[in-house]
Amino acid sequence: MYSYHLLVLGPEIKIFLIVVSISGPLAILGLLFLLKQIQLKTPERIRWR
């Protein structure tokens, strides 16, 4: 079933939602990658539980 709420939004808002939905998960993955790199260099700084 298609959501009709997205049909009434302006094109700028649709583009913003697409950009945020792509860049958000990429930012989280980048942060995890950065933390893994820090852990490899200095394991005592990062504690995974």
Protein backbone atom coordinates (compact mmCIF):
# COMPACT_ATOMS: atom_id res chain seq x y z
CA MET A 1 0.00 0.00 0.00
CA TYR A 2 1.38 3.38 -1.01
CA SER A 3 1.52 6.25 1.46
CA TYR A 4 -0.40 9.22 0.06
CA HIS A 5 1.18 11.62 2.55
CA LEU A 6 4.35 11.73 0.46
CA LEU A 7 2.43 12.78 -2.65
CA VAL A 8 1.43 16.15 -1.22
CA LEU A 9 4.93 17.13 -0.10
CA GLY A 10 6.94 19.64 -2.08
CA PRO A 11 9.89 18.50 -4.18
CA GLU A 12 12.40 20.17 -1.84
CA ILE A 13 11.10 18.20 1.12
CA LYS A 14 11.17 14.95 -0.86
CA ILE A 15 14.80 15.57 -1.84
CA PHE A 16 15.66 16.40 1.77
CA LEU A 17 14.05 13.16 2.99
CA ILE A 18 15.95 11.13 0.41
CA VAL A 19 19.28 12.76 1.31
CA VAL A 20 18.71 12.28 5.04
CA SER A 21 17.61 8.65 4.61
CA ILE A 22 20.85 7.91 2.73
CA SER A 23 23.35 10.03 4.69
CA GLY A 24 22.07 9.06 8.16
CA PRO A 25 22.96 5.36 7.98
CA LEU A 26 26.21 6.19 6.18
CA ALA A 27 27.18 8.53 9.01
CA ILE A 28 26.49 5.82 11.59
CA LEU A 29 28.56 3.29 9.62
CA GLY A 30 31.36 5.84 9.30
CA LEU A 31 31.34 6.42 13.05
CA LEU A 32 31.52 2.67 13.74
CA PHE A 33 34.39 2.34 11.26
CA LEU A 34 36.23 5.21 12.95
CA LEU A 35 35.76 3.62 16.38
CA LYS A 36 37.06 0.29 15.08
CA GLN A 37 40.16 2.04 13.73
CA ILE A 38 40.76 3.73 17.09
CA GLN A 39 40.31 0.38 18.81
CA LEU A 40 42.98 -1.21 16.61
CA LYS A 41 45.49 1.54 17.43
CA THR A 42 44.74 1.92 21.14
CA PRO A 43 42.46 -0.85 22.47
CA GLU A 44 42.27 0.60 25.98
CA ARG A 45 40.39 3.71 24.73
CA ILE A 46 37.35 1.85 23.33
CA ARG A 47 35.33 -0.65 25.35
CA TRP A 48 32.69 -2.67 23.48
CA ARG A 49 30.09 -4.33 25.65
